[in-house]
Amino acid sequence: MAHDLLDTVRTVLATAGYGPDSGLHLHEHAYGVIVTWPAGHLVQTTVRAHTGDADRTVLAELSHIRVAVTTALATALREAGLTAVSHPDGFVLTTRPL
C-alpha cells in the first residue's frame, strides 16, 4: 500500500510541476511518504553569487527558501486530497487522508 502512495505522491508532484528533474527525493516511510528537497547546492550557489552585494538582507532571505518550497509541496499534496504535514527540519510527511 505504501508503494501505491509513493506512486500517487510522485504523480501529484509531477502534475504540479515538480517532475523528475526538480531535485525532490521521495522516501517510503512506515507512516507514509517523506518528500525532501536537498537545497544545499542551490543555496550555496546563490550565497556565492551574492557575497559581494552591499545589501546583506539577500543572504538572510535565503533561509526562507526551504520553508517556501515545503509549503508549496504540502499545498500541492493537500489540494490532491492527501494529508501533508511540513516538518521544521525541511521535509513533508504525506499520508492518505484519515
C-alpha atoms as a PDB file:
ATOM      1  CA  MET A   1       0.000   0.000   0.000  1.00  0.00           C
ATOM      2  CA  ALA A   2       2.851   2.401   0.776  1.00  0.00           C
ATOM      3  CA  HIS A   3       4.183   1.850  -2.746  1.00  0.00           C
ATOM      4  CA  ASP A   4       0.818   2.936  -4.159  1.00  0.00           C
ATOM      5  CA  LEU A   5       1.055   6.091  -2.060  1.00  0.00           C
ATOM      6  CA  LEU A   6       4.591   6.704  -3.336  1.00  0.00           C
ATOM      7  CA  ASP A   7       3.323   6.493  -6.926  1.00  0.00           C
ATOM      8  CA  THR A   8       0.420   8.806  -6.088  1.00  0.00           C
ATOM      9  CA  VAL A   9       2.712  11.382  -4.473  1.00  0.00           C
ATOM     10  CA  ARG A  10       5.114  11.219  -7.426  1.00  0.00           C
ATOM     11  CA  THR A  11       2.232  11.757  -9.884  1.00  0.00           C
ATOM     12  CA  VAL A  12       0.711  14.628  -7.884  1.00  0.00           C
ATOM     13  CA  LEU A  13       4.043  16.427  -7.632  1.00  0.00           C
ATOM     14  CA  ALA A  14       4.837  15.904 -11.324  1.00  0.00           C
ATOM     15  CA  THR A  15       1.435  17.317 -12.251  1.00  0.00           C
ATOM     16  CA  ALA A  16       2.179  20.326 -10.030  1.00  0.00           C
ATOM     17  CA  GLY A  17       5.443  20.915 -11.914  1.00  0.00           C
ATOM     18  CA  TYR A  18       7.830  19.013  -9.651  1.00  0.00           C
ATOM     19  CA  GLY A  19       8.953  16.324 -12.072  1.00  0.00           C
ATOM     20  CA  PRO A  20      11.979  14.021 -12.031  1.00  0.00           C
ATOM     21  CA  ASP A  21      14.439  16.893 -12.586  1.00  0.00           C
ATOM     22  CA  SER A  22      13.104  19.010  -9.716  1.00  0.00           C
ATOM     23  CA  GLY A  23      15.604  17.637  -7.214  1.00  0.00           C
ATOM     24  CA  LEU A  24      12.950  16.225  -4.896  1.00  0.00           C
ATOM     25  CA  HIS A  25      13.583  12.959  -3.079  1.00  0.00           C
ATOM     26  CA  LEU A  26      10.677  10.694  -2.169  1.00  0.00           C
ATOM     27  CA  HIS A  27      11.127   8.040   0.508  1.00  0.00           C
ATOM     28  CA  GLU A  28       8.688   5.383   1.650  1.00  0.00           C
ATOM     29  CA  HIS A  29       8.278   5.549   5.409  1.00  0.00           C
ATOM     30  CA  ALA A  30       6.300   3.482   7.908  1.00  0.00           C
ATOM     31  CA  TYR A  31       3.852   6.384   8.271  1.00  0.00           C
ATOM     32  CA  GLY A  32       3.614   7.376   4.610  1.00  0.00           C
ATOM     33  CA  VAL A  33       5.908   9.115   2.137  1.00  0.00           C
ATOM     34  CA  ILE A  34       8.555  11.648   3.081  1.00  0.00           C
ATOM     35  CA  VAL A  35       9.372  14.316   0.497  1.00  0.00           C
ATOM     36  CA  THR A  36      12.704  16.121   0.855  1.00  0.00           C
ATOM     37  CA  TRP A  37      14.385  18.816  -1.149  1.00  0.00           C
ATOM     38  CA  PRO A  38      18.152  18.934  -0.601  1.00  0.00           C
ATOM     39  CA  ALA A  39      18.705  22.599  -1.346  1.00  0.00           C
ATOM     40  CA  GLY A  40      22.336  22.779  -0.294  1.00  0.00           C
ATOM     41  CA  HIS A  41      23.740  23.205  -3.792  1.00  0.00           C
ATOM     42  CA  LEU A  42      21.197  25.860  -4.785  1.00  0.00           C
ATOM     43  CA  VAL A  43      21.655  27.821  -1.579  1.00  0.00           C
ATOM     44  CA  GLN A  44      25.462  27.644  -1.728  1.00  0.00           C
ATOM     45  CA  THR A  45      25.457  28.808  -5.344  1.00  0.00           C
ATOM     46  CA  THR A  46      23.126  31.693  -4.505  1.00  0.00           C
ATOM     47  CA  VAL A  47      25.209  32.732  -1.480  1.00  0.00           C
ATOM     48  CA  ARG A  48      28.375  32.774  -3.601  1.00  0.00           C
ATOM     49  CA  ALA A  49      26.603  34.857  -6.243  1.00  0.00           C
ATOM     50  CA  HIS A  50      25.586  37.464  -3.649  1.00  0.00           C
ATOM     51  CA  THR A  51      28.676  37.627  -1.425  1.00  0.00           C
ATOM     52  CA  GLY A  52      29.688  40.943  -2.953  1.00  0.00           C
ATOM     53  CA  ASP A  53      26.260  42.545  -2.536  1.00  0.00           C
ATOM     54  CA  ALA A  54      26.146  45.593  -0.302  1.00  0.00           C
ATOM     55  CA  ASP A  55      22.630  44.598   0.757  1.00  0.00           C
ATOM     56  CA  ARG A  56      23.212  41.602   3.044  1.00  0.00           C
ATOM     57  CA  THR A  57      19.466  41.090   3.596  1.00  0.00           C
ATOM     58  CA  VAL A  58      19.511  38.951   0.451  1.00  0.00           C
ATOM     59  CA  LEU A  59      21.510  36.344   2.355  1.00  0.00           C
ATOM     60  CA  ALA A  60      19.136  36.428   5.319  1.00  0.00           C
ATOM     61  CA  GLU A  61      16.204  35.795   2.991  1.00  0.00           C
ATOM     62  CA  LEU A  62      17.784  32.549   1.749  1.00  0.00           C
ATOM     63  CA  SER A  63      16.856  30.802   4.976  1.00  0.00           C
ATOM     64  CA  HIS A  64      13.231  31.100   3.885  1.00  0.00           C
ATOM     65  CA  ILE A  65      13.707  29.189   0.636  1.00  0.00           C
ATOM     66  CA  ARG A  66      13.229  25.787   2.258  1.00  0.00           C
ATOM     67  CA  VAL A  67      10.097  26.982   4.066  1.00  0.00           C
ATOM     68  CA  ALA A  68       8.655  28.291   0.811  1.00  0.00           C
ATOM     69  CA  VAL A  69       9.380  25.044  -1.040  1.00  0.00           C
ATOM     70  CA  THR A  70       7.981  22.760   1.675  1.00  0.00           C
ATOM     71  CA  THR A  71       4.882  24.949   1.926  1.00  0.00           C
ATOM     72  CA  ALA A  72       4.347  24.742  -1.843  1.00  0.00           C
ATOM     73  CA  LEU A  73       4.837  20.967  -1.839  1.00  0.00           C
ATOM     74  CA  ALA A  74       2.457  20.439   1.080  1.00  0.00           C
ATOM     75  CA  THR A  75      -0.144  22.651  -0.574  1.00  0.00           C
ATOM     76  CA  ALA A  76       0.014  20.713  -3.856  1.00  0.00           C
ATOM     77  CA  LEU A  77      -0.345  17.424  -1.979  1.00  0.00           C
ATOM     78  CA  ARG A  78      -3.255  18.672   0.131  1.00  0.00           C
ATOM     79  CA  GLU A  79      -5.057  20.021  -2.923  1.00  0.00           C
ATOM     80  CA  ALA A  80      -4.858  16.490  -4.356  1.00  0.00           C
ATOM     81  CA  GLY A  81      -6.676  15.166  -1.291  1.00  0.00           C
ATOM     82  CA  LEU A  82      -3.689  13.830   0.621  1.00  0.00           C
ATOM     83  CA  THR A  83      -2.662  14.678   4.156  1.00  0.00           C
ATOM     84  CA  ALA A  84       0.647  16.563   4.122  1.00  0.00           C
ATOM     85  CA  VAL A  85       2.499  17.989   7.104  1.00  0.00           C
ATOM     86  CA  SER A  86       5.533  20.251   6.735  1.00  0.00           C
ATOM     87  CA  HIS A  87       8.207  19.490   9.316  1.00  0.00           C
ATOM     88  CA  PRO A  88      10.524  22.228  10.688  1.00  0.00           C
ATOM     89  CA  ASP A  89      13.514  20.133   9.560  1.00  0.00           C
ATOM     90  CA  GLY A  90      12.539  20.768   5.931  1.00  0.00           C
ATOM     91  CA  PHE A  91      10.597  17.722   4.817  1.00  0.00           C
ATOM     92  CA  VAL A  92       6.950  16.937   4.130  1.00  0.00           C
ATOM     93  CA  LEU A  93       5.299  13.806   5.533  1.00  0.00           C
ATOM     94  CA  THR A  94       2.453  12.677   3.281  1.00  0.00           C
ATOM     95  CA  THR A  95      -0.244  10.146   4.130  1.00  0.00           C
ATOM     96  CA  ARG A  96      -3.627   9.165   2.838  1.00  0.00           C
ATOM     97  CA  PRO A  97      -6.489  11.098   4.448  1.00  0.00           C
ATOM     98  CA  LEU A  98      -7.673   9.653   7.751  1.00  0.00           C
END
